[in-house]
Amino acid sequence: MSTARSATDKLSYAKYKTDRGETIDKSKNTTPANTSGGTTKYIIKGVRLNLRDSASGDGDIIGTYRGGTKVTVLKKGKYWSYVEVKGKTGYMANDFLTDTKD
């Protein structure tokens, strides 16, 4: 079975491995395929959490949000989620997201 990708696939998706070995789609111009709806989460209290442009602690910071801020998870990975926060999209570490606001 061949795993070769077409030239179009290579242009459409910039995939890479995170510092934890997770493969993530880093394409800034496309939204992950399963983004219909989303799941509501909140940033845990007592932290200020960065929204990053990639699923890595080395990713550029798009914004910083306080504990209790509502986050819509568009696609959940093992360690990072692709989220929307106050109209911006990017990645946040799952360890700092919870189901309850309190």
PDB file of N, CA and C in Angstrom:
ATOM      1  N   MET A   1       0.839  -1.175   0.000  1.00  0.00           N
ATOM      2  CA  MET A   1       0.000   0.000   0.000  1.00  0.00           C
ATOM      3  C   MET A   1       0.885   1.238   0.000  1.00  0.00           C
ATOM      4  N   SER A   2       0.635   2.145  -0.901  1.00  0.00           N
ATOM      5  CA  SER A   2       1.443   3.354  -1.029  1.00  0.00           C
ATOM      6  C   SER A   2       0.945   4.444  -0.102  1.00  0.00           C
ATOM      7  N   THR A   3       1.880   5.155   0.532  1.00  0.00           N
ATOM      8  CA  THR A   3       1.505   6.282   1.399  1.00  0.00           C
ATOM      9  C   THR A   3       1.931   7.605   0.787  1.00  0.00           C
ATOM     10  N   ALA A   4       2.281   7.595  -0.474  1.00  0.00           N
ATOM     11  CA  ALA A   4       2.706   8.824  -1.148  1.00  0.00           C
ATOM     12  C   ALA A   4       1.539   9.794  -1.247  1.00  0.00           C
ATOM     13  N   ARG A   5       1.850  11.081  -1.154  1.00  0.00           N
ATOM     14  CA  ARG A   5       0.829  12.124  -1.248  1.00  0.00           C
ATOM     15  C   ARG A   5       0.986  12.858  -2.559  1.00  0.00           C
ATOM     16  N   SER A   6      -0.119  13.353  -3.050  1.00  0.00           N
ATOM     17  CA  SER A   6      -0.066  14.130  -4.278  1.00  0.00           C
ATOM     18  C   SER A   6       0.513  15.508  -3.982  1.00  0.00           C
ATOM     19  N   ALA A   7       0.900  16.226  -5.023  1.00  0.00           N
ATOM     20  CA  ALA A   7       1.431  17.583  -4.861  1.00  0.00           C
ATOM     21  C   ALA A   7       0.398  18.483  -4.207  1.00  0.00           C
ATOM     22  N   THR A   8      -0.880  18.284  -4.508  1.00  0.00           N
ATOM     23  CA  THR A   8      -1.949  19.085  -3.914  1.00  0.00           C
ATOM     24  C   THR A   8      -2.011  18.872  -2.412  1.00  0.00           C
ATOM     25  N   ASP A   9      -1.906  17.605  -1.969  1.00  0.00           N
ATOM     26  CA  ASP A   9      -1.921  17.320  -0.534  1.00  0.00           C
ATOM     27  C   ASP A   9      -0.783  18.040   0.167  1.00  0.00           C
ATOM     28  N   LYS A  10       0.380  18.037  -0.432  1.00  0.00           N
ATOM     29  CA  LYS A  10       1.538  18.675   0.186  1.00  0.00           C
ATOM     30  C   LYS A  10       1.362  20.183   0.301  1.00  0.00           C
ATOM     31  N   LEU A  11       0.654  20.795  -0.632  1.00  0.00           N
ATOM     32  CA  LEU A  11       0.423  22.235  -0.582  1.00  0.00           C
ATOM     33  C   LEU A  11      -0.700  22.592   0.374  1.00  0.00           C
ATOM     34  N   SER A  12      -1.694  21.728   0.491  1.00  0.00           N
ATOM     35  CA  SER A  12      -2.869  22.029   1.296  1.00  0.00           C
ATOM     36  C   SER A  12      -2.636  21.871   2.786  1.00  0.00           C
ATOM     37  N   TYR A  13      -1.788  20.952   3.171  1.00  0.00           N
ATOM     38  CA  TYR A  13      -1.612  20.646   4.580  1.00  0.00           C
ATOM     39  C   TYR A  13      -0.143  20.664   4.966  1.00  0.00           C
ATOM     40  N   ALA A  14       0.160  21.471   5.960  1.00  0.00           N
ATOM     41  CA  ALA A  14       1.524  21.508   6.496  1.00  0.00           C
ATOM     42  C   ALA A  14       1.491  20.709   7.787  1.00  0.00           C
ATOM     43  N   LYS A  15       1.866  19.440   7.752  1.00  0.00           N
ATOM     44  CA  LYS A  15       1.815  18.594   8.942  1.00  0.00           C
ATOM     45  C   LYS A  15       3.190  18.489   9.559  1.00  0.00           C
ATOM     46  N   TYR A  16       3.225  18.379  10.866  1.00  0.00           N
ATOM     47  CA  TYR A  16       4.481  18.273  11.562  1.00  0.00           C
ATOM     48  C   TYR A  16       4.262  17.556  12.883  1.00  0.00           C
ATOM     49  N   LYS A  17       5.332  17.178  13.537  1.00  0.00           N
ATOM     50  CA  LYS A  17       5.233  16.538  14.847  1.00  0.00           C
ATOM     51  C   LYS A  17       5.525  17.574  15.929  1.00  0.00           C
ATOM     52  N   THR A  18       4.712  17.567  16.985  1.00  0.00           N
ATOM     53  CA  THR A  18       4.897  18.491  18.090  1.00  0.00           C
ATOM     54  C   THR A  18       6.027  18.000  18.983  1.00  0.00           C
ATOM     55  N   ASP A  19       6.340  18.794  20.005  1.00  0.00           N
ATOM     56  CA  ASP A  19       7.381  18.397  20.947  1.00  0.00           C
ATOM     57  C   ASP A  19       6.997  17.151  21.730  1.00  0.00           C
ATOM     58  N   ARG A  20       5.738  16.758  21.691  1.00  0.00           N
ATOM     59  CA  ARG A  20       5.293  15.535  22.369  1.00  0.00           C
ATOM     60  C   ARG A  20       5.034  14.401  21.383  1.00  0.00           C
ATOM     61  N   GLY A  21       5.410  14.589  20.115  1.00  0.00           N
ATOM     62  CA  GLY A  21       5.292  13.530  19.119  1.00  0.00           C
ATOM     63  C   GLY A  21       3.937  13.440  18.446  1.00  0.00           C
ATOM     64  N   GLU A  22       3.036  14.405  18.670  1.00  0.00           N
ATOM     65  CA  GLU A  22       1.710  14.386  18.070  1.00  0.00           C
ATOM     66  C   GLU A  22       1.757  15.031  16.694  1.00  0.00           C
ATOM     67  N   THR A  23       1.098  14.441  15.711  1.00  0.00           N
ATOM     68  CA  THR A  23       1.061  15.026  14.379  1.00  0.00           C
ATOM     69  C   THR A  23      -0.138  15.965  14.285  1.00  0.00           C
ATOM     70  N   ILE A  24       0.119  17.189  13.866  1.00  0.00           N
ATOM     71  CA  ILE A  24      -0.907  18.232  13.812  1.00  0.00           C
ATOM     72  C   ILE A  24      -0.900  18.895  12.440  1.00  0.00           C
ATOM     73  N   ASP A  25      -2.078  19.286  11.971  1.00  0.00           N
ATOM     74  CA  ASP A  25      -2.207  20.053  10.730  1.00  0.00           C
ATOM     75  C   ASP A  25      -1.984  21.518  11.080  1.00  0.00           C
ATOM     76  N   LYS A  26      -0.914  22.112  10.565  1.00  0.00           N
ATOM     77  CA  LYS A  26      -0.566  23.493  10.902  1.00  0.00           C
ATOM     78  C   LYS A  26      -1.003  24.476   9.823  1.00  0.00           C
ATOM     79  N   SER A  27      -1.768  24.040   8.863  1.00  0.00           N
ATOM     80  CA  SER A  27      -2.172  24.937   7.791  1.00  0.00           C
ATOM     81  C   SER A  27      -2.968  26.099   8.379  1.00  0.00           C
ATOM     82  N   LYS A  28      -2.504  27.316   8.159  1.00  0.00           N
ATOM     83  CA  LYS A  28      -3.161  28.492   8.726  1.00  0.00           C
ATOM     84  C   LYS A  28      -4.379  28.918   7.918  1.00  0.00           C
ATOM     85  N   ASN A  29      -4.500  28.451   6.689  1.00  0.00           N
ATOM     86  CA  ASN A  29      -5.590  28.891   5.831  1.00  0.00           C
ATOM     87  C   ASN A  29      -6.740  27.913   5.760  1.00  0.00           C
ATOM     88  N   THR A  30      -6.650  26.796   6.449  1.00  0.00           N
ATOM     89  CA  THR A  30      -7.740  25.835   6.444  1.00  0.00           C
ATOM     90  C   THR A  30      -8.126  25.503   7.866  1.00  0.00           C
ATOM     91  N   THR A  31      -9.335  25.075   8.052  1.00  0.00           N
ATOM     92  CA  THR A  31      -9.848  24.669   9.335  1.00  0.00           C
ATOM     93  C   THR A  31      -9.891  23.153   9.358  1.00  0.00           C
ATOM     94  N   PRO A  32      -9.552  22.497  10.483  1.00  0.00           N
ATOM     95  CA  PRO A  32      -9.633  21.048  10.527  1.00  0.00           C
ATOM     96  C   PRO A  32     -11.002  20.550  10.083  1.00  0.00           C
ATOM     97  N   ALA A  33     -11.014  19.377   9.492  1.00  0.00           N
ATOM     98  CA  ALA A  33     -12.210  18.841   8.839  1.00  0.00           C
ATOM     99  C   ALA A  33     -13.404  18.672   9.765  1.00  0.00           C
ATOM    100  N   ASN A  34     -13.197  18.299  11.019  1.00  0.00           N
ATOM    101  CA  ASN A  34     -14.333  18.001  11.890  1.00  0.00           C
ATOM    102  C   ASN A  34     -14.672  19.173  12.812  1.00  0.00           C
ATOM    103  N   THR A  35     -14.798  20.360  12.275  1.00  0.00           N
ATOM    104  CA  THR A  35     -15.050  21.532  13.105  1.00  0.00           C
ATOM    105  C   THR A  35     -16.522  21.922  13.219  1.00  0.00           C
ATOM    106  N   SER A  36     -17.425  21.096  12.737  1.00  0.00           N
ATOM    107  CA  SER A  36     -18.830  21.455  12.858  1.00  0.00           C
ATOM    108  C   SER A  36     -19.209  21.494  14.333  1.00  0.00           C
ATOM    109  N   GLY A  37     -19.736  22.620  14.758  1.00  0.00           N
ATOM    110  CA  GLY A  37     -20.135  22.767  16.146  1.00  0.00           C
ATOM    111  C   GLY A  37     -18.965  23.103  17.040  1.00  0.00           C
ATOM    112  N   GLY A  38     -18.499  22.132  17.756  1.00  0.00           N
ATOM    113  CA  GLY A  38     -17.418  22.345  18.705  1.00  0.00           C
ATOM    114  C   GLY A  38     -17.892  22.053  20.106  1.00  0.00           C
ATOM    115  N   THR A  39     -16.957  21.903  21.011  1.00  0.00           N
ATOM    116  CA  THR A  39     -17.246  21.596  22.401  1.00  0.00           C
ATOM    117  C   THR A  39     -16.825  22.775  23.261  1.00  0.00           C
ATOM    118  N   THR A  40     -17.680  23.178  24.184  1.00  0.00           N
ATOM    119  CA  THR A  40     -17.359  24.291  25.075  1.00  0.00           C
ATOM    120  C   THR A  40     -16.483  23.815  26.221  1.00  0.00           C
ATOM    121  N   LYS A  41     -15.392  24.519  26.431  1.00  0.00           N
ATOM    122  CA  LYS A  41     -14.487  24.287  27.562  1.00  0.00           C
ATOM    123  C   LYS A  41     -14.180  25.645  28.176  1.00  0.00           C
ATOM    124  N   TYR A  42     -13.499  25.637  29.305  1.00  0.00           N
ATOM    125  CA  TYR A  42     -13.078  26.858  29.981  1.00  0.00           C
ATOM    126  C   TYR A  42     -11.621  26.706  30.390  1.00  0.00           C
ATOM    127  N   ILE A  43     -10.908  27.817  30.406  1.00  0.00           N
ATOM    128  CA  ILE A  43      -9.540  27.809  30.903  1.00  0.00           C
ATOM    129  C   ILE A  43      -9.609  27.677  32.420  1.00  0.00           C
ATOM    130  N   ILE A  44      -8.784  26.799  32.984  1.00  0.00           N
ATOM    131  CA  ILE A  44      -8.828  26.575  34.428  1.00  0.00           C
ATOM    132  C   ILE A  44      -8.466  27.855  35.181  1.00  0.00           C
ATOM    133  N   LYS A  45      -9.041  27.987  36.367  1.00  0.00           N
ATOM    134  CA  LYS A  45      -8.802  29.177  37.191  1.00  0.00           C
ATOM    135  C   LYS A  45      -7.351  29.254  37.623  1.00  0.00           C
ATOM    136  N   GLY A  46      -6.891  30.470  37.808  1.00  0.00           N
ATOM    137  CA  GLY A  46      -5.565  30.708  38.343  1.00  0.00           C
ATOM    138  C   GLY A  46      -4.442  30.705  37.321  1.00  0.00           C
ATOM    139  N   VAL A  47      -4.792  30.599  36.031  1.00  0.00           N
ATOM    140  CA  VAL A  47      -3.738  30.631  35.002  1.00  0.00           C
ATOM    141  C   VAL A  47      -4.070  31.673  33.949  1.00  0.00           C
ATOM    142  N   ARG A  48      -3.053  32.067  33.233  1.00  0.00           N
ATOM    143  CA  ARG A  48      -3.212  32.853  32.006  1.00  0.00           C
ATOM    144  C   ARG A  48      -2.668  31.958  30.919  1.00  0.00           C
ATOM    145  N   LEU A  49      -3.530  31.590  29.980  1.00  0.00           N
ATOM    146  CA  LEU A  49      -3.181  30.601  28.969  1.00  0.00           C
ATOM    147  C   LEU A  49      -2.989  31.249  27.613  1.00  0.00           C
ATOM    148  N   ASN A  50      -1.910  30.860  26.936  1.00  0.00           N
ATOM    149  CA  ASN A  50      -1.604  31.395  25.613  1.00  0.00           C
ATOM    150  C   ASN A  50      -2.333  30.625  24.519  1.00  0.00           C
ATOM    151  N   LEU A  51      -2.829  31.358  23.544  1.00  0.00           N
ATOM    152  CA  LEU A  51      -3.353  30.801  22.301  1.00  0.00           C
ATOM    153  C   LEU A  51      -2.193  30.877  21.317  1.00  0.00           C
ATOM    154  N   ARG A  52      -1.821  29.737  20.724  1.00  0.00           N
ATOM    155  CA  ARG A  52      -0.632  29.684  19.873  1.00  0.00           C
ATOM    156  C   ARG A  52      -0.986  29.319  18.439  1.00  0.00           C
ATOM    157  N   ASP A  53      -0.081  29.664  17.523  1.00  0.00           N
ATOM    158  CA  ASP A  53      -0.319  29.381  16.104  1.00  0.00           C
ATOM    159  C   ASP A  53       0.036  27.953  15.720  1.00  0.00           C
ATOM    160  N   SER A  54       0.632  27.198  16.631  1.00  0.00           N
ATOM    161  CA  SER A  54       0.925  25.788  16.389  1.00  0.00           C
ATOM    162  C   SER A  54       0.805  25.035  17.711  1.00  0.00           C
ATOM    163  N   ALA A  55       0.686  23.730  17.624  1.00  0.00           N
ATOM    164  CA  ALA A  55       0.508  22.884  18.802  1.00  0.00           C
ATOM    165  C   ALA A  55       1.850  22.580  19.446  1.00  0.00           C
ATOM    166  N   SER A  56       2.480  23.622  19.966  1.00  0.00           N
ATOM    167  CA  SER A  56       3.795  23.490  20.583  1.00  0.00           C
ATOM    168  C   SER A  56       4.033  24.695  21.488  1.00  0.00           C
ATOM    169  N   GLY A  57       4.760  24.479  22.555  1.00  0.00           N
ATOM    170  CA  GLY A  57       5.133  25.584  23.431  1.00  0.00           C
ATOM    171  C   GLY A  57       6.018  26.600  22.735  1.00  0.00           C
ATOM    172  N   ASP A  58       6.556  26.225  21.580  1.00  0.00           N
ATOM    173  CA  ASP A  58       7.390  27.134  20.801  1.00  0.00           C
ATOM    174  C   ASP A  58       6.598  27.933  19.773  1.00  0.00           C
ATOM    175  N   GLY A  59       5.296  27.637  19.628  1.00  0.00           N
ATOM    176  CA  GLY A  59       4.469  28.348  18.654  1.00  0.00           C
ATOM    177  C   GLY A  59       4.312  29.814  19.020  1.00  0.00           C
ATOM    178  N   ASP A  60       4.148  30.652  18.006  1.00  0.00           N
ATOM    179  CA  ASP A  60       3.943  32.085  18.251  1.00  0.00           C
ATOM    180  C   ASP A  60       2.647  32.298  19.031  1.00  0.00           C
ATOM    181  N   ILE A  61       2.664  33.244  19.955  1.00  0.00           N
ATOM    182  CA  ILE A  61       1.494  33.554  20.777  1.00  0.00           C
ATOM    183  C   ILE A  61       0.578  34.504  20.020  1.00  0.00           C
ATOM    184  N   ILE A  62      -0.687  34.085  19.876  1.00  0.00           N
ATOM    185  CA  ILE A  62      -1.711  34.882  19.194  1.00  0.00           C
ATOM    186  C   ILE A  62      -2.452  35.745  20.210  1.00  0.00           C
ATOM    187  N   GLY A  63      -2.621  35.218  21.414  1.00  0.00           N
ATOM    188  CA  GLY A  63      -3.327  35.926  22.474  1.00  0.00           C
ATOM    189  C   GLY A  63      -3.124  35.220  23.801  1.00  0.00           C
ATOM    190  N   THR A  64      -3.436  35.901  24.898  1.00  0.00           N
ATOM    191  CA  THR A  64      -3.330  35.337  26.237  1.00  0.00           C
ATOM    192  C   THR A  64      -4.648  35.587  26.949  1.00  0.00           C
ATOM    193  N   TYR A  65      -5.177  34.537  27.620  1.00  0.00           N
ATOM    194  CA  TYR A  65      -6.508  34.614  28.223  1.00  0.00           C
ATOM    195  C   TYR A  65      -6.473  34.137  29.671  1.00  0.00           C
ATOM    196  N   ARG A  66      -7.333  34.740  30.497  1.00  0.00           N
ATOM    197  CA  ARG A  66      -7.423  34.426  31.921  1.00  0.00           C
ATOM    198  C   ARG A  66      -8.253  33.181  32.176  1.00  0.00           C
ATOM    199  N   GLY A  67      -8.048  32.605  33.354  1.00  0.00           N
ATOM    200  CA  GLY A  67      -8.862  31.484  33.803  1.00  0.00           C
ATOM    201  C   GLY A  67     -10.336  31.842  33.771  1.00  0.00           C
ATOM    202  N   GLY A  68     -11.176  30.883  33.402  1.00  0.00           N
ATOM    203  CA  GLY A  68     -12.614  31.105  33.306  1.00  0.00           C
ATOM    204  C   GLY A  68     -13.079  31.531  31.930  1.00  0.00           C
ATOM    205  N   THR A  69     -12.142  31.855  31.025  1.00  0.00           N
ATOM    206  CA  THR A  69     -12.502  32.267  29.673  1.00  0.00           C
ATOM    207  C   THR A  69     -13.086  31.084  28.908  1.00  0.00           C
ATOM    208  N   LYS A  70     -14.198  31.330  28.218  1.00  0.00           N
ATOM    209  CA  LYS A  70     -14.862  30.300  27.413  1.00  0.00           C
ATOM    210  C   LYS A  70     -14.058  30.029  26.147  1.00  0.00           C
ATOM    211  N   VAL A  71     -13.879  28.750  25.830  1.00  0.00           N
ATOM    212  CA  VAL A  71     -13.118  28.290  24.671  1.00  0.00           C
ATOM    213  C   VAL A  71     -13.976  27.286  23.915  1.00  0.00           C
ATOM    214  N   THR A  72     -14.017  27.376  22.596  1.00  0.00           N
ATOM    215  CA  THR A  72     -14.705  26.366  21.793  1.00  0.00           C
ATOM    216  C   THR A  72     -13.652  25.465  21.163  1.00  0.00           C
ATOM    217  N   VAL A  73     -13.667  24.196  21.539  1.00  0.00           N
ATOM    218  CA  VAL A  73     -12.720  23.226  20.987  1.00  0.00           C
ATOM    219  C   VAL A  73     -13.271  22.754  19.648  1.00  0.00           C
ATOM    220  N   LEU A  74     -12.528  23.041  18.587  1.00  0.00           N
ATOM    221  CA  LEU A  74     -12.930  22.655  17.242  1.00  0.00           C
ATOM    222  C   LEU A  74     -12.391  21.281  16.865  1.00  0.00           C
ATOM    223  N   LYS A  75     -11.197  20.981  17.357  1.00  0.00           N
ATOM    224  CA  LYS A  75     -10.594  19.665  17.110  1.00  0.00           C
ATOM    225  C   LYS A  75      -9.658  19.353  18.266  1.00  0.00           C
ATOM    226  N   LYS A  76      -9.902  18.219  18.926  1.00  0.00           N
ATOM    227  CA  LYS A  76      -9.109  17.840  20.095  1.00  0.00           C
ATOM    228  C   LYS A  76      -8.048  16.825  19.712  1.00  0.00           C
ATOM    229  N   GLY A  77      -6.813  17.111  20.084  1.00  0.00           N
ATOM    230  CA  GLY A  77      -5.714  16.177  19.917  1.00  0.00           C
ATOM    231  C   GLY A  77      -5.361  15.572  21.258  1.00  0.00           C
ATOM    232  N   LYS A  78      -4.312  14.777  21.291  1.00  0.00           N
ATOM    233  CA  LYS A  78      -3.910  14.123  22.529  1.00  0.00           C
ATOM    234  C   LYS A  78      -3.425  15.121  23.578  1.00  0.00           C
ATOM    235  N   TYR A  79      -2.622  16.097  23.173  1.00  0.00           N
ATOM    236  CA  TYR A  79      -2.068  17.074  24.105  1.00  0.00           C
ATOM    237  C   TYR A  79      -2.525  18.507  23.837  1.00  0.00           C
ATOM    238  N   TRP A  80      -2.885  18.810  22.607  1.00  0.00           N
ATOM    239  CA  TRP A  80      -3.277  20.153  22.206  1.00  0.00           C
ATOM    240  C   TRP A  80      -4.619  20.104  21.497  1.00  0.00           C
ATOM    241  N   SER A  81      -5.378  21.188  21.611  1.00  0.00           N
ATOM    242  CA  SER A  81      -6.640  21.314  20.885  1.00  0.00           C
ATOM    243  C   SER A  81      -6.603  22.546  20.003  1.00  0.00           C
ATOM    244  N   TYR A  82      -7.242  22.428  18.834  1.00  0.00           N
ATOM    245  CA  TYR A  82      -7.438  23.563  17.941  1.00  0.00           C
ATOM    246  C   TYR A  82      -8.718  24.222  18.415  1.00  0.00           C
ATOM    247  N   VAL A  83      -8.649  25.488  18.826  1.00  0.00           N
ATOM    248  CA  VAL A  83      -9.767  26.145  19.493  1.00  0.00           C
ATOM    249  C   VAL A  83     -10.091  27.497  18.882  1.00  0.00           C
ATOM    250  N   GLU A  84     -11.268  27.996  19.261  1.00  0.00           N
ATOM    251  CA  GLU A  84     -11.653  29.371  18.951  1.00  0.00           C
ATOM    252  C   GLU A  84     -11.903  30.080  20.276  1.00  0.00           C
ATOM    253  N   VAL A  85     -11.300  31.262  20.434  1.00  0.00           N
ATOM    254  CA  VAL A  85     -11.469  32.073  21.635  1.00  0.00           C
ATOM    255  C   VAL A  85     -11.689  33.512  21.197  1.00  0.00           C
ATOM    256  N   LYS A  86     -12.840  34.067  21.529  1.00  0.00           N
ATOM    257  CA  LYS A  86     -13.145  35.467  21.225  1.00  0.00           C
ATOM    258  C   LYS A  86     -12.822  35.841  19.781  1.00  0.00           C
ATOM    259  N   GLY A  87     -13.209  34.955  18.854  1.00  0.00           N
ATOM    260  CA  GLY A  87     -13.043  35.229  17.436  1.00  0.00           C
ATOM    261  C   GLY A  87     -11.691  34.863  16.849  1.00  0.00           C
ATOM    262  N   LYS A  88     -10.757  34.408  17.660  1.00  0.00           N
ATOM    263  CA  LYS A  88      -9.436  33.999  17.177  1.00  0.00           C
ATOM    264  C   LYS A  88      -9.321  32.478  17.253  1.00  0.00           C
ATOM    265  N   THR A  89      -8.601  31.878  16.308  1.00  0.00           N
ATOM    266  CA  THR A  89      -8.371  30.439  16.344  1.00  0.00           C
ATOM    267  C   THR A  89      -6.890  30.144  16.488  1.00  0.00           C
ATOM    268  N   GLY A  90      -6.606  29.047  17.158  1.00  0.00           N
ATOM    269  CA  GLY A  90      -5.241  28.611  17.376  1.00  0.00           C
ATOM    270  C   GLY A  90      -5.250  27.380  18.259  1.00  0.00           C
ATOM    271  N   TYR A  91      -4.133  27.130  18.908  1.00  0.00           N
ATOM    272  CA  TYR A  91      -3.964  25.922  19.711  1.00  0.00           C
ATOM    273  C   TYR A  91      -3.758  26.257  21.182  1.00  0.00           C
ATOM    274  N   MET A  92      -4.363  25.412  22.054  1.00  0.00           N
ATOM    275  CA  MET A  92      -4.180  25.508  23.500  1.00  0.00           C
ATOM    276  C   MET A  92      -3.909  24.113  24.042  1.00  0.00           C
ATOM    277  N   ALA A  93      -3.092  24.055  25.104  1.00  0.00           N
ATOM    278  CA  ALA A  93      -2.766  22.789  25.753  1.00  0.00           C
ATOM    279  C   ALA A  93      -3.991  22.264  26.505  1.00  0.00           C
ATOM    280  N   ASN A  94      -4.313  20.994  26.305  1.00  0.00           N
ATOM    281  CA  ASN A  94      -5.481  20.372  26.941  1.00  0.00           C
ATOM    282  C   ASN A  94      -5.412  20.371  28.465  1.00  0.00           C
ATOM    283  N   ASP A  95      -4.205  20.319  29.021  1.00  0.00           N
ATOM    284  CA  ASP A  95      -4.050  20.252  30.484  1.00  0.00           C
ATOM    285  C   ASP A  95      -4.662  21.463  31.189  1.00  0.00           C
ATOM    286  N   PHE A  96      -4.892  22.549  30.476  1.00  0.00           N
ATOM    287  CA  PHE A  96      -5.396  23.776  31.080  1.00  0.00           C
ATOM    288  C   PHE A  96      -6.840  24.084  30.708  1.00  0.00           C
ATOM    289  N   LEU A  97      -7.527  23.121  30.114  1.00  0.00           N
ATOM    290  CA  LEU A  97      -8.935  23.294  29.729  1.00  0.00           C
ATOM    291  C   LEU A  97      -9.804  22.354  30.557  1.00  0.00           C
ATOM    292  N   THR A  98     -10.978  22.846  30.976  1.00  0.00           N
ATOM    293  CA  THR A  98     -11.880  22.075  31.807  1.00  0.00           C
ATOM    294  C   THR A  98     -13.311  22.220  31.315  1.00  0.00           C
ATOM    295  N   ASP A  99     -14.188  21.330  31.777  1.00  0.00           N
ATOM    296  CA  ASP A  99     -15.592  21.365  31.365  1.00  0.00           C
ATOM    297  C   ASP A  99     -16.412  22.408  32.124  1.00  0.00           C
ATOM    298  N   THR A 100     -15.941  22.833  33.289  1.00  0.00           N
ATOM    299  CA  THR A 100     -16.718  23.770  34.103  1.00  0.00           C
ATOM    300  C   THR A 100     -15.990  25.111  34.231  1.00  0.00           C
ATOM    301  N   LYS A 101     -16.783  26.178  34.348  1.00  0.00           N
ATOM    302  CA  LYS A 101     -16.209  27.524  34.446  1.00  0.00           C
ATOM    303  C   LYS A 101     -15.527  27.739  35.790  1.00  0.00           C
ATOM    304  N   ASP A 102     -16.021  27.092  36.817  1.00  0.00           N
ATOM    305  CA  ASP A 102     -15.456  27.280  38.175  1.00  0.00           C
ATOM    306  C   ASP A 102     -14.312  26.353  38.443  1.00  0.00           C
TER     307      ASP A 102
END
